[in-house]
C-alpha cells in the first residue's frame, strides 16, 4: 500500500511539473524579449540625447564662429577694425553703410592678389599679407554702418563684424535768455547730450533736431532762491571721458538787473519830463493863440473909429479945395476978354 501511494504521488507531481514547464518557458521567453526591448529603447534614448547634444554644440559653435562688436568713434578720429585671425589664405572686408553705399576689400595670400573699390579714406591698415586690419583715417557720420570681415584658412572660414557708430560732441553755451533765466544749450551733438544742474532745482529741457542727424538740447533753469550766487550746468556725452561743468554767476545777473532797473526808471522819468514840457508848450501856444484872436477882433473897431475921425478932420479942407477950384475955373473964363480989351 505504501509503495502504491508513493508511486501515485510521484505520478501526480510529475504530471504537474510537465504541465507547468511550458508555462515557465513561455514566461522566460517573454521576459527576455521585454528586457531586450527595454535595452533597445534605452539605447535609442541615449543615442537621441547624444545627437541632440551634438546638434546643440554644433549650433553654439557656429554662433561663436562669427563675433559681433559695437564700436564707436569720435568724429574726425582714426578707427582701426581688426580681424582676429592673422594667418589666412583669403581676407575679405564687406562694408554696408547707412547711406546705402557698399564697398569691399579683399586679398589672397597665395596669389598676392588685391581687390578693392572703397574710398582712399577706408583702406588697409598696413600690408594686407601681414595684417588684414581695416583703417578709417577720419571717421565721419557717413562712415556709419556694418563692417564685416571674413577670414579663410585651412580650418574653414571665420566671420567677424563691427557695427560702427560715429559720436559728435556738442558745442555748449551757458547764458541768460530773454526772460532772465539761466539757459544751458548743447548744440549739434550725436547722440543727444544729457544736461543737469547744480544745485538741483526746477528746470525744463527740450530737444531740437538739427541737420545731419545731430540733436540740440536746451535746458532752462528757474531760479527760486534770491540769495543764490552761483549755478552750474553739467553736460554729459559719450564722446567725452568726463562730464563738462559750466559755471554762471547769478550775482552779476542780479547786479545787471539792478542797473537795468535803474536805467529803466531813469528813462521813464526823462520821458515823463519831456512829456510835461511838450504839454506846457502846447498849452502855452493854445492860450497865446486865443489872446491874439481877441486882439485882432478889437483892431477893426479902432481902425474904423480913426478913419471916421480922419474923414471929419479932412472934410473942411476938401470943401475949401473945391471952392478954390471953382473960382479958378471962373477966372479962367474971363481971362480972354480981358486980354482983348486991353
C-alpha atoms as a PDB file:
ATOM      1  CA  UNK A   1       0.000   0.000   0.000  1.00  0.00           C
ATOM      2  CA  UNK A   2       2.808   2.354   0.828  1.00  0.00           C
ATOM      3  CA  UNK A   3       4.566   1.635  -2.441  1.00  0.00           C
ATOM      4  CA  UNK A   4       1.435   2.234  -4.420  1.00  0.00           C
ATOM      5  CA  UNK A   5       0.712   5.531  -2.646  1.00  0.00           C
ATOM      6  CA  UNK A   6       4.274   6.726  -3.271  1.00  0.00           C
ATOM      7  CA  UNK A   7       4.057   5.895  -6.935  1.00  0.00           C
ATOM      8  CA  UNK A   8       0.737   7.720  -7.339  1.00  0.00           C
ATOM      9  CA  UNK A   9       2.056  10.795  -5.525  1.00  0.00           C
ATOM     10  CA  UNK A  10       5.141  10.868  -7.755  1.00  0.00           C
ATOM     11  CA  UNK A  11       2.953  10.493 -10.810  1.00  0.00           C
ATOM     12  CA  UNK A  12       0.772  13.401  -9.762  1.00  0.00           C
ATOM     13  CA  UNK A  13       3.755  15.722  -9.087  1.00  0.00           C
ATOM     14  CA  UNK A  14       5.445  14.746 -12.327  1.00  0.00           C
ATOM     15  CA  UNK A  15       2.326  15.417 -14.302  1.00  0.00           C
ATOM     16  CA  UNK A  16       2.037  18.845 -12.610  1.00  0.00           C
ATOM     17  CA  UNK A  17       5.659  19.711 -13.425  1.00  0.00           C
ATOM     18  CA  UNK A  18       5.183  18.639 -17.045  1.00  0.00           C
ATOM     19  CA  UNK A  19       2.136  20.917 -17.341  1.00  0.00           C
ATOM     20  CA  UNK A  20       3.902  23.871 -15.687  1.00  0.00           C
ATOM     21  CA  UNK A  21       7.123  23.558 -17.722  1.00  0.00           C
ATOM     22  CA  UNK A  22       5.727  25.105 -20.969  1.00  0.00           C
ATOM     23  CA  UNK A  23       4.245  27.976 -18.993  1.00  0.00           C
ATOM     24  CA  UNK A  24       7.586  28.660 -17.328  1.00  0.00           C
ATOM     25  CA  UNK A  25       9.404  28.518 -20.651  1.00  0.00           C
ATOM     26  CA  UNK A  26       6.895  30.919 -22.250  1.00  0.00           C
ATOM     27  CA  UNK A  27       7.263  33.376 -19.385  1.00  0.00           C
ATOM     28  CA  UNK A  28      11.041  33.188 -19.692  1.00  0.00           C
ATOM     29  CA  UNK A  29      10.906  33.938 -23.400  1.00  0.00           C
ATOM     30  CA  UNK A  30       8.551  36.855 -22.852  1.00  0.00           C
ATOM     31  CA  UNK A  31      10.778  38.252 -20.129  1.00  0.00           C
ATOM     32  CA  UNK A  32      13.874  38.102 -22.295  1.00  0.00           C
ATOM     33  CA  UNK A  33      12.074  39.849 -25.160  1.00  0.00           C
ATOM     34  CA  UNK A  34      10.859  42.548 -22.844  1.00  0.00           C
ATOM     35  CA  UNK A  35      14.333  43.022 -21.436  1.00  0.00           C
ATOM     36  CA  UNK A  36      15.759  43.213 -24.962  1.00  0.00           C
ATOM     37  CA  UNK A  37      13.163  45.826 -25.992  1.00  0.00           C
ATOM     38  CA  UNK A  38      13.869  47.868 -22.892  1.00  0.00           C
ATOM     39  CA  UNK A  39      17.563  47.817 -23.636  1.00  0.00           C
ATOM     40  CA  UNK A  40      16.903  48.931 -27.218  1.00  0.00           C
ATOM     41  CA  UNK A  41      14.710  51.776 -26.032  1.00  0.00           C
ATOM     42  CA  UNK A  42      17.332  52.884 -23.571  1.00  0.00           C
ATOM     43  CA  UNK A  43      19.979  52.669 -26.246  1.00  0.00           C
ATOM     44  CA  UNK A  44      17.864  54.715 -28.659  1.00  0.00           C
ATOM     45  CA  UNK A  45      17.199  57.284 -25.995  1.00  0.00           C
ATOM     46  CA  UNK A  46      20.890  57.558 -25.249  1.00  0.00           C
ATOM     47  CA  UNK A  47      21.664  57.915 -28.942  1.00  0.00           C
ATOM     48  CA  UNK A  48      18.931  60.509 -29.250  1.00  0.00           C
ATOM     49  CA  UNK A  49      20.314  62.523 -26.378  1.00  0.00           C
ATOM     50  CA  UNK A  50      23.780  62.306 -27.831  1.00  0.00           C
ATOM     51  CA  UNK A  51      22.569  63.503 -31.241  1.00  0.00           C
ATOM     52  CA  UNK A  52      20.600  66.357 -29.717  1.00  0.00           C
ATOM     53  CA  UNK A  53      23.563  67.369 -27.633  1.00  0.00           C
ATOM     54  CA  UNK A  54      25.850  67.255 -30.643  1.00  0.00           C
ATOM     55  CA  UNK A  55      23.449  69.406 -32.689  1.00  0.00           C
ATOM     56  CA  UNK A  56      23.291  71.935 -29.872  1.00  0.00           C
ATOM     57  CA  UNK A  57      27.069  72.046 -29.599  1.00  0.00           C
ATOM     58  CA  UNK A  58      27.427  72.481 -33.322  1.00  0.00           C
ATOM     59  CA  UNK A  59      24.885  75.312 -33.265  1.00  0.00           C
ATOM     60  CA  UNK A  60      26.680  77.118 -30.462  1.00  0.00           C
ATOM     61  CA  UNK A  61      29.982  76.623 -32.220  1.00  0.00           C
ATOM     62  CA  UNK A  62      28.627  78.162 -35.421  1.00  0.00           C
ATOM     63  CA  UNK A  63      27.343  81.173 -33.486  1.00  0.00           C
ATOM     64  CA  UNK A  64      30.702  81.680 -31.801  1.00  0.00           C
ATOM     65  CA  UNK A  65      32.409  81.491 -35.163  1.00  0.00           C
ATOM     66  CA  UNK A  66      31.062  84.994 -36.026  1.00  0.00           C
ATOM     67  CA  UNK A  67      31.818  87.702 -33.494  1.00  0.00           C
ATOM     68  CA  UNK A  68      29.865  90.954 -33.416  1.00  0.00           C
ATOM     69  CA  UNK A  69      31.117  94.127 -31.741  1.00  0.00           C
ATOM     70  CA  UNK A  70      29.519  97.558 -31.396  1.00  0.00           C
ATOM     71  CA  UNK A  71      32.278 100.108 -31.907  1.00  0.00           C
ATOM     72  CA  UNK A  72      32.056 103.876 -31.546  1.00  0.00           C
ATOM     73  CA  UNK A  73      34.467 106.606 -32.600  1.00  0.00           C
ATOM     74  CA  UNK A  74      34.595 110.366 -32.190  1.00  0.00           C
ATOM     75  CA  UNK A  75      34.153 112.288 -35.400  1.00  0.00           C
ATOM     76  CA  UNK A  76      37.442 113.180 -37.094  1.00  0.00           C
ATOM     77  CA  UNK A  77      39.470 110.463 -35.357  1.00  0.00           C
ATOM     78  CA  UNK A  78      41.071 107.362 -36.878  1.00  0.00           C
ATOM     79  CA  UNK A  79      39.344 103.987 -36.495  1.00  0.00           C
ATOM     80  CA  UNK A  80      41.028 100.563 -36.719  1.00  0.00           C
ATOM     81  CA  UNK A  81      38.939  97.412 -37.228  1.00  0.00           C
ATOM     82  CA  UNK A  82      40.849  94.189 -36.693  1.00  0.00           C
ATOM     83  CA  UNK A  83      40.240  90.597 -37.789  1.00  0.00           C
ATOM     84  CA  UNK A  84      41.150  88.033 -35.077  1.00  0.00           C
ATOM     85  CA  UNK A  85      42.954  85.604 -37.449  1.00  0.00           C
ATOM     86  CA  UNK A  86      46.174  86.960 -38.918  1.00  0.00           C
ATOM     87  CA  UNK A  87      47.315  83.774 -40.730  1.00  0.00           C
ATOM     88  CA  UNK A  88      44.974  83.242 -43.642  1.00  0.00           C
ATOM     89  CA  UNK A  89      44.593  82.389 -47.296  1.00  0.00           C
ATOM     90  CA  UNK A  90      41.852  84.892 -48.167  1.00  0.00           C
ATOM     91  CA  UNK A  91      40.680  88.026 -46.323  1.00  0.00           C
ATOM     92  CA  UNK A  92      37.583  89.969 -47.391  1.00  0.00           C
ATOM     93  CA  UNK A  93      36.050  93.134 -45.914  1.00  0.00           C
ATOM     94  CA  UNK A  94      32.447  93.942 -46.872  1.00  0.00           C
ATOM     95  CA  UNK A  95      31.210  97.406 -45.873  1.00  0.00           C
ATOM     96  CA  UNK A  96      27.484  98.229 -45.747  1.00  0.00           C
ATOM     97  CA  UNK A  97      26.926 101.920 -44.944  1.00  0.00           C
ATOM     98  CA  UNK A  98      23.780 103.550 -43.613  1.00  0.00           C
ATOM     99  CA  UNK A  99      23.527 105.825 -46.634  1.00  0.00           C
ATOM    100  CA  UNK A 100      23.016 102.779 -48.885  1.00  0.00           C
ATOM    101  CA  UNK A 101      26.570 102.626 -50.247  1.00  0.00           C
ATOM    102  CA  UNK A 102      28.554  99.365 -50.344  1.00  0.00           C
ATOM    103  CA  UNK A 103      32.200  98.564 -50.933  1.00  0.00           C
ATOM    104  CA  UNK A 104      34.719  95.773 -50.371  1.00  0.00           C
ATOM    105  CA  UNK A 105      38.401  94.985 -49.916  1.00  0.00           C
ATOM    106  CA  UNK A 106      39.944  91.543 -50.466  1.00  0.00           C
ATOM    107  CA  UNK A 107      43.371  89.960 -50.565  1.00  0.00           C
ATOM    108  CA  UNK A 108      44.641  86.450 -51.466  1.00  0.00           C
ATOM    109  CA  UNK A 109      47.975  85.476 -49.984  1.00  0.00           C
ATOM    110  CA  UNK A 110      48.603  82.546 -52.334  1.00  0.00           C
ATOM    111  CA  UNK A 111      48.300  84.714 -55.441  1.00  0.00           C
ATOM    112  CA  UNK A 112      49.278  88.100 -53.915  1.00  0.00           C
ATOM    113  CA  UNK A 113      46.093  89.458 -55.426  1.00  0.00           C
ATOM    114  CA  UNK A 114      44.279  92.528 -54.063  1.00  0.00           C
ATOM    115  CA  UNK A 115      40.848  93.895 -54.982  1.00  0.00           C
ATOM    116  CA  UNK A 116      39.031  96.930 -53.572  1.00  0.00           C
ATOM    117  CA  UNK A 117      36.542  99.628 -54.534  1.00  0.00           C
ATOM    118  CA  UNK A 118      36.323 101.605 -51.274  1.00  0.00           C
ATOM    119  CA  UNK A 119      37.465 105.211 -50.968  1.00  0.00           C
ATOM    120  CA  UNK A 120      41.023 106.118 -50.005  1.00  0.00           C
ATOM    121  CA  UNK A 121      39.786 107.062 -46.539  1.00  0.00           C
ATOM    122  CA  UNK A 122      38.836 103.385 -45.971  1.00  0.00           C
ATOM    123  CA  UNK A 123      41.817 101.143 -46.633  1.00  0.00           C
ATOM    124  CA  UNK A 124      44.153  98.506 -45.207  1.00  0.00           C
ATOM    125  CA  UNK A 125      45.948  99.495 -42.021  1.00  0.00           C
ATOM    126  CA  UNK A 126      49.253  98.157 -43.417  1.00  0.00           C
ATOM    127  CA  UNK A 127      50.305  95.494 -45.902  1.00  0.00           C
ATOM    128  CA  UNK A 128      47.345  93.076 -46.063  1.00  0.00           C
ATOM    129  CA  UNK A 129      49.522  89.972 -46.353  1.00  0.00           C
ATOM    130  CA  UNK A 130      50.804  90.644 -42.845  1.00  0.00           C
ATOM    131  CA  UNK A 131      47.782  92.251 -41.159  1.00  0.00           C
ATOM    132  CA  UNK A 132      44.253  92.232 -42.618  1.00  0.00           C
ATOM    133  CA  UNK A 133      43.049  95.096 -40.395  1.00  0.00           C
ATOM    134  CA  UNK A 134      40.933  97.908 -41.812  1.00  0.00           C
ATOM    135  CA  UNK A 135      41.514 101.598 -41.078  1.00  0.00           C
ATOM    136  CA  UNK A 136      39.251 104.652 -41.459  1.00  0.00           C
ATOM    137  CA  UNK A 137      41.531 107.685 -41.407  1.00  0.00           C
ATOM    138  CA  UNK A 138      38.949 110.270 -40.336  1.00  0.00           C
ATOM    139  CA  UNK A 139      35.606 108.957 -39.140  1.00  0.00           C
ATOM    140  CA  UNK A 140      32.546 110.861 -40.332  1.00  0.00           C
ATOM    141  CA  UNK A 141      28.822 110.299 -39.935  1.00  0.00           C
ATOM    142  CA  UNK A 142      28.765 108.953 -43.498  1.00  0.00           C
ATOM    143  CA  UNK A 143      31.081 106.104 -42.361  1.00  0.00           C
ATOM    144  CA  UNK A 144      28.456 104.617 -40.027  1.00  0.00           C
ATOM    145  CA  UNK A 145      27.357 101.106 -40.867  1.00  0.00           C
ATOM    146  CA  UNK A 146      28.267  97.410 -40.771  1.00  0.00           C
ATOM    147  CA  UNK A 147      31.865  96.277 -41.412  1.00  0.00           C
ATOM    148  CA  UNK A 148      32.191  92.506 -41.886  1.00  0.00           C
ATOM    149  CA  UNK A 149      35.463  90.635 -42.174  1.00  0.00           C
ATOM    150  CA  UNK A 150      35.756  87.048 -43.438  1.00  0.00           C
ATOM    151  CA  UNK A 151      38.977  85.075 -43.000  1.00  0.00           C
ATOM    152  CA  UNK A 152      39.540  81.778 -44.831  1.00  0.00           C
ATOM    153  CA  UNK A 153      42.291  79.299 -43.946  1.00  0.00           C
ATOM    154  CA  UNK A 154      42.768  75.527 -43.785  1.00  0.00           C
ATOM    155  CA  UNK A 155      40.350  75.251 -40.848  1.00  0.00           C
ATOM    156  CA  UNK A 156      37.469  76.992 -42.632  1.00  0.00           C
ATOM    157  CA  UNK A 157      36.024  80.482 -42.903  1.00  0.00           C
ATOM    158  CA  UNK A 158      35.564  82.757 -39.893  1.00  0.00           C
ATOM    159  CA  UNK A 159      33.497  85.906 -39.730  1.00  0.00           C
ATOM    160  CA  UNK A 160      33.820  88.978 -37.555  1.00  0.00           C
ATOM    161  CA  UNK A 161      31.525  92.029 -37.719  1.00  0.00           C
ATOM    162  CA  UNK A 162      31.690  95.589 -36.394  1.00  0.00           C
ATOM    163  CA  UNK A 163      28.767  97.968 -36.112  1.00  0.00           C
ATOM    164  CA  UNK A 164      30.353 101.431 -36.280  1.00  0.00           C
ATOM    165  CA  UNK A 165      28.739 104.489 -34.683  1.00  0.00           C
ATOM    166  CA  UNK A 166      30.268 107.971 -35.006  1.00  0.00           C
ATOM    167  CA  UNK A 167      29.967 110.289 -31.986  1.00  0.00           C
ATOM    168  CA  UNK A 168      29.712 114.057 -32.393  1.00  0.00           C
ATOM    169  CA  UNK A 169      30.472 116.105 -29.244  1.00  0.00           C
ATOM    170  CA  UNK A 170      28.122 119.077 -28.763  1.00  0.00           C
ATOM    171  CA  UNK A 171      29.032 122.746 -28.514  1.00  0.00           C
ATOM    172  CA  UNK A 172      27.898 124.044 -25.118  1.00  0.00           C
ATOM    173  CA  UNK A 173      26.903 127.606 -24.211  1.00  0.00           C
ATOM    174  CA  UNK A 174      25.600 128.963 -20.895  1.00  0.00           C
ATOM    175  CA  UNK A 175      23.914 132.357 -20.752  1.00  0.00           C
ATOM    176  CA  UNK A 176      20.706 134.162 -19.817  1.00  0.00           C
ATOM    177  CA  UNK A 177      17.662 134.047 -22.067  1.00  0.00           C
ATOM    178  CA  UNK A 178      15.211 136.862 -22.769  1.00  0.00           C
ATOM    179  CA  UNK A 179      13.340 136.028 -19.547  1.00  0.00           C
ATOM    180  CA  UNK A 180      16.476 136.477 -17.472  1.00  0.00           C
ATOM    181  CA  UNK A 181      16.725 132.756 -16.598  1.00  0.00           C
ATOM    182  CA  UNK A 182      19.937 130.720 -16.963  1.00  0.00           C
ATOM    183  CA  UNK A 183      19.895 128.693 -20.189  1.00  0.00           C
ATOM    184  CA  UNK A 184      22.309 125.846 -20.993  1.00  0.00           C
ATOM    185  CA  UNK A 185      22.443 124.810 -24.648  1.00  0.00           C
ATOM    186  CA  UNK A 186      24.229 121.756 -26.102  1.00  0.00           C
ATOM    187  CA  UNK A 187      24.229 122.226 -29.874  1.00  0.00           C
ATOM    188  CA  UNK A 188      24.636 119.598 -32.626  1.00  0.00           C
ATOM    189  CA  UNK A 189      25.526 116.543 -30.567  1.00  0.00           C
ATOM    190  CA  UNK A 190      25.235 112.894 -31.607  1.00  0.00           C
ATOM    191  CA  UNK A 191      23.681 111.325 -29.669  1.00  0.00           C
ATOM    192  CA  UNK A 192      21.855 113.966 -27.659  1.00  0.00           C
ATOM    193  CA  UNK A 193      23.713 115.325 -24.630  1.00  0.00           C
ATOM    194  CA  UNK A 194      22.458 114.964 -21.051  1.00  0.00           C
ATOM    195  CA  UNK A 195      22.083 118.194 -19.037  1.00  0.00           C
ATOM    196  CA  UNK A 196      21.717 118.581 -15.278  1.00  0.00           C
ATOM    197  CA  UNK A 197      22.085 121.496 -12.831  1.00  0.00           C
ATOM    198  CA  UNK A 198      23.785 122.230  -9.515  1.00  0.00           C
ATOM    199  CA  UNK A 199      22.083 122.983  -7.227  1.00  0.00           C
ATOM    200  CA  UNK A 200      19.227 120.734  -8.264  1.00  0.00           C
ATOM    201  CA  UNK A 201      16.079 122.710  -8.868  1.00  0.00           C
ATOM    202  CA  UNK A 202      13.239 123.332 -11.261  1.00  0.00           C
ATOM    203  CA  UNK A 203      14.315 123.298 -14.894  1.00  0.00           C
ATOM    204  CA  UNK A 204      12.836 122.458 -18.271  1.00  0.00           C
ATOM    205  CA  UNK A 205      14.663 120.623 -21.062  1.00  0.00           C
ATOM    206  CA  UNK A 206      13.553 120.393 -24.672  1.00  0.00           C
ATOM    207  CA  UNK A 207      15.227 118.834 -27.744  1.00  0.00           C
ATOM    208  CA  UNK A 208      15.680 120.286 -31.193  1.00  0.00           C
ATOM    209  CA  UNK A 209      16.531 118.160 -34.221  1.00  0.00           C
ATOM    210  CA  UNK A 210      19.485 119.580 -36.139  1.00  0.00           C
ATOM    211  CA  UNK A 211      20.923 118.820 -39.540  1.00  0.00           C
ATOM    212  CA  UNK A 212      22.990 115.734 -40.399  1.00  0.00           C
ATOM    213  CA  UNK A 213      21.441 113.548 -37.723  1.00  0.00           C
ATOM    214  CA  UNK A 214      22.611 115.603 -34.735  1.00  0.00           C
ATOM    215  CA  UNK A 215      20.453 116.915 -31.883  1.00  0.00           C
ATOM    216  CA  UNK A 216      20.381 120.131 -29.854  1.00  0.00           C
ATOM    217  CA  UNK A 217      19.292 120.164 -26.198  1.00  0.00           C
ATOM    218  CA  UNK A 218      18.147 123.367 -24.461  1.00  0.00           C
ATOM    219  CA  UNK A 219      17.669 123.461 -20.698  1.00  0.00           C
ATOM    220  CA  UNK A 220      16.203 126.488 -18.875  1.00  0.00           C
ATOM    221  CA  UNK A 221      16.748 126.792 -15.125  1.00  0.00           C
ATOM    222  CA  UNK A 222      14.247 128.630 -12.902  1.00  0.00           C
ATOM    223  CA  UNK A 223      15.947 130.408 -10.003  1.00  0.00           C
ATOM    224  CA  UNK A 224      13.828 130.227  -6.846  1.00  0.00           C
ATOM    225  CA  UNK A 225      16.394 131.345  -4.252  1.00  0.00           C
ATOM    226  CA  UNK A 226      17.078 135.070  -4.451  1.00  0.00           C
ATOM    227  CA  UNK A 227      20.232 134.743  -2.296  1.00  0.00           C
ATOM    228  CA  UNK A 228      21.805 132.185  -4.607  1.00  0.00           C
ATOM    229  CA  UNK A 229      25.087 133.443  -6.096  1.00  0.00           C
ATOM    230  CA  UNK A 230      26.347 130.731  -8.481  1.00  0.00           C
ATOM    231  CA  UNK A 231      24.875 127.976 -10.622  1.00  0.00           C
ATOM    232  CA  UNK A 232      26.491 125.178 -12.639  1.00  0.00           C
ATOM    233  CA  UNK A 233      25.362 123.373 -15.780  1.00  0.00           C
ATOM    234  CA  UNK A 234      26.655 119.789 -16.114  1.00  0.00           C
ATOM    235  CA  UNK A 235      26.741 118.323 -19.631  1.00  0.00           C
ATOM    236  CA  UNK A 236      27.448 114.609 -20.248  1.00  0.00           C
ATOM    237  CA  UNK A 237      28.153 113.000 -23.614  1.00  0.00           C
ATOM    238  CA  UNK A 238      29.593 109.628 -24.771  1.00  0.00           C
ATOM    239  CA  UNK A 239      32.281 111.457 -26.765  1.00  0.00           C
ATOM    240  CA  UNK A 240      33.755 112.802 -23.520  1.00  0.00           C
ATOM    241  CA  UNK A 241      35.517 110.769 -20.863  1.00  0.00           C
ATOM    242  CA  UNK A 242      34.221 113.111 -18.155  1.00  0.00           C
ATOM    243  CA  UNK A 243      31.254 115.429 -17.836  1.00  0.00           C
ATOM    244  CA  UNK A 244      31.861 119.100 -18.561  1.00  0.00           C
ATOM    245  CA  UNK A 245      30.865 121.669 -15.931  1.00  0.00           C
ATOM    246  CA  UNK A 246      29.980 125.266 -16.848  1.00  0.00           C
ATOM    247  CA  UNK A 247      29.561 127.888 -14.104  1.00  0.00           C
ATOM    248  CA  UNK A 248      27.454 131.026 -14.175  1.00  0.00           C
ATOM    249  CA  UNK A 249      27.387 133.831 -11.612  1.00  0.00           C
ATOM    250  CA  UNK A 250      23.912 134.923 -10.571  1.00  0.00           C
ATOM    251  CA  UNK A 251      25.313 137.878  -8.595  1.00  0.00           C
ATOM    252  CA  UNK A 252      26.408 139.565 -11.809  1.00  0.00           C
ATOM    253  CA  UNK A 253      22.994 138.944 -13.280  1.00  0.00           C
ATOM    254  CA  UNK A 254      21.315 140.413 -10.193  1.00  0.00           C
ATOM    255  CA  UNK A 255      23.607 143.450 -10.369  1.00  0.00           C
ATOM    256  CA  UNK A 256      22.842 143.746 -14.050  1.00  0.00           C
ATOM    257  CA  UNK A 257      19.132 143.545 -13.306  1.00  0.00           C
ATOM    258  CA  UNK A 258      19.522 146.324 -10.702  1.00  0.00           C
ATOM    259  CA  UNK A 259      21.380 148.522 -13.182  1.00  0.00           C
ATOM    260  CA  UNK A 260      18.791 147.765 -15.821  1.00  0.00           C
ATOM    261  CA  UNK A 261      16.008 148.705 -13.399  1.00  0.00           C
ATOM    262  CA  UNK A 262      17.724 151.976 -12.622  1.00  0.00           C
ATOM    263  CA  UNK A 263      18.167 152.690 -16.295  1.00  0.00           C
ATOM    264  CA  UNK A 264      14.502 151.949 -16.947  1.00  0.00           C
ATOM    265  CA  UNK A 265      13.380 154.215 -14.099  1.00  0.00           C
ATOM    266  CA  UNK A 266      15.688 156.988 -15.272  1.00  0.00           C
ATOM    267  CA  UNK A 267      14.402 156.640 -18.820  1.00  0.00           C
ATOM    268  CA  UNK A 268      10.798 156.759 -17.633  1.00  0.00           C
ATOM    269  CA  UNK A 269      11.494 159.901 -15.594  1.00  0.00           C
ATOM    270  CA  UNK A 270      13.167 161.572 -18.574  1.00  0.00           C
ATOM    271  CA  UNK A 271      10.298 160.637 -20.856  1.00  0.00           C
ATOM    272  CA  UNK A 272       7.811 161.966 -18.310  1.00  0.00           C
ATOM    273  CA  UNK A 273       9.741 165.256 -18.049  1.00  0.00           C
ATOM    274  CA  UNK A 274       9.828 165.630 -21.830  1.00  0.00           C
ATOM    275  CA  UNK A 275       6.114 164.893 -21.999  1.00  0.00           C
ATOM    276  CA  UNK A 276       5.342 167.561 -19.355  1.00  0.00           C
ATOM    277  CA  UNK A 277       7.499 170.109 -21.207  1.00  0.00           C
ATOM    278  CA  UNK A 278       5.761 169.409 -24.508  1.00  0.00           C
ATOM    279  CA  UNK A 279       2.384 169.665 -22.787  1.00  0.00           C
ATOM    280  CA  UNK A 280       3.329 173.032 -21.268  1.00  0.00           C
ATOM    281  CA  UNK A 281       4.479 174.336 -24.664  1.00  0.00           C
ATOM    282  CA  UNK A 282       1.283 173.124 -26.285  1.00  0.00           C
ATOM    283  CA  UNK A 283      -0.956 174.781 -23.663  1.00  0.00           C
ATOM    284  CA  UNK A 284       1.027 177.994 -23.817  1.00  0.00           C
ATOM    285  CA  UNK A 285       0.657 178.130 -27.596  1.00  0.00           C
ATOM    286  CA  UNK A 286      -3.069 177.459 -27.363  1.00  0.00           C
ATOM    287  CA  UNK A 287      -3.556 180.203 -24.723  1.00  0.00           C
ATOM    288  CA  UNK A 288      -1.442 182.680 -26.688  1.00  0.00           C
ATOM    289  CA  UNK A 289      -3.374 181.939 -29.893  1.00  0.00           C
ATOM    290  CA  UNK A 290      -6.690 182.705 -28.210  1.00  0.00           C
ATOM    291  CA  UNK A 291      -5.367 186.060 -26.870  1.00  0.00           C
ATOM    292  CA  UNK A 292      -4.163 187.016 -30.345  1.00  0.00           C
ATOM    293  CA  UNK A 293      -7.617 186.308 -31.792  1.00  0.00           C
ATOM    294  CA  UNK A 294      -9.243 188.681 -29.228  1.00  0.00           C
ATOM    295  CA  UNK A 295      -6.733 191.433 -30.103  1.00  0.00           C
ATOM    296  CA  UNK A 296      -7.416 191.021 -33.822  1.00  0.00           C
ATOM    297  CA  UNK A 297     -11.153 191.341 -33.217  1.00  0.00           C
ATOM    298  CA  UNK A 298     -10.648 194.659 -31.417  1.00  0.00           C
ATOM    299  CA  UNK A 299      -8.333 196.196 -34.030  1.00  0.00           C
ATOM    300  CA  UNK A 300     -11.002 196.754 -36.783  1.00  0.00           C
ATOM    301  CA  UNK A 301     -13.126 198.879 -34.415  1.00  0.00           C
ATOM    302  CA  UNK A 302     -10.187 201.124 -33.640  1.00  0.00           C
ATOM    303  CA  UNK A 303      -9.321 201.488 -37.293  1.00  0.00           C
ATOM    304  CA  UNK A 304     -12.899 202.385 -38.239  1.00  0.00           C
ATOM    305  CA  UNK A 305     -13.033 204.991 -35.436  1.00  0.00           C
ATOM    306  CA  UNK A 306      -9.755 206.500 -36.573  1.00  0.00           C
ATOM    307  CA  UNK A 307     -10.982 206.636 -40.158  1.00  0.00           C
ATOM    308  CA  UNK A 308     -14.152 208.430 -39.121  1.00  0.00           C
ATOM    309  CA  UNK A 309     -12.136 210.994 -37.209  1.00  0.00           C
ATOM    310  CA  UNK A 310      -9.809 211.467 -40.162  1.00  0.00           C
ATOM    311  CA  UNK A 311     -12.733 211.991 -42.518  1.00  0.00           C
ATOM    312  CA  UNK A 312     -14.267 214.608 -40.221  1.00  0.00           C
ATOM    313  CA  UNK A 313     -10.953 216.394 -39.945  1.00  0.00           C
ATOM    314  CA  UNK A 314     -10.269 216.426 -43.674  1.00  0.00           C
ATOM    315  CA  UNK A 315     -13.801 217.400 -44.775  1.00  0.00           C
ATOM    316  CA  UNK A 316     -13.370 221.278 -44.403  1.00  0.00           C
ATOM    317  CA  UNK A 317     -10.116 221.080 -46.310  1.00  0.00           C
ATOM    318  CA  UNK A 318     -11.813 219.199 -49.136  1.00  0.00           C
ATOM    319  CA  UNK A 319     -14.591 221.819 -49.258  1.00  0.00           C
ATOM    320  CA  UNK A 320     -12.047 224.599 -49.399  1.00  0.00           C
ATOM    321  CA  UNK A 321     -10.225 222.921 -52.258  1.00  0.00           C
ATOM    322  CA  UNK A 322     -13.425 222.507 -54.187  1.00  0.00           C
ATOM    323  CA  UNK A 323     -14.334 226.250 -53.773  1.00  0.00           C
ATOM    324  CA  UNK A 324     -10.894 227.281 -54.816  1.00  0.00           C
ATOM    325  CA  UNK A 325     -11.114 225.209 -57.911  1.00  0.00           C
ATOM    326  CA  UNK A 326     -14.461 226.769 -58.878  1.00  0.00           C
ATOM    327  CA  UNK A 327     -13.055 230.282 -58.504  1.00  0.00           C
ATOM    328  CA  UNK A 328     -10.067 229.319 -60.579  1.00  0.00           C
ATOM    329  CA  UNK A 329     -12.274 227.973 -63.346  1.00  0.00           C
ATOM    330  CA  UNK A 330     -14.368 231.126 -63.468  1.00  0.00           C
ATOM    331  CA  UNK A 331     -11.334 233.292 -63.542  1.00  0.00           C
ATOM    332  CA  UNK A 332     -10.054 231.404 -66.496  1.00  0.00           C
ATOM    333  CA  UNK A 333     -13.315 232.046 -68.347  1.00  0.00           C
ATOM    334  CA  UNK A 334     -12.939 235.804 -68.053  1.00  0.00           C
ATOM    335  CA  UNK A 335      -9.298 235.996 -68.884  1.00  0.00           C
ATOM    336  CA  UNK A 336      -9.636 236.098 -72.843  1.00  0.00           C
ATOM    337  CA  UNK A 337     -11.963 239.090 -72.899  1.00  0.00           C
ATOM    338  CA  UNK A 338      -9.887 240.981 -70.584  1.00  0.00           C
ATOM    339  CA  UNK A 339      -6.904 240.398 -72.671  1.00  0.00           C
ATOM    340  CA  UNK A 340      -8.678 241.581 -75.955  1.00  0.00           C
ATOM    341  CA  UNK A 341      -9.912 244.845 -74.488  1.00  0.00           C
ATOM    342  CA  UNK A 342      -6.552 245.645 -73.431  1.00  0.00           C
END
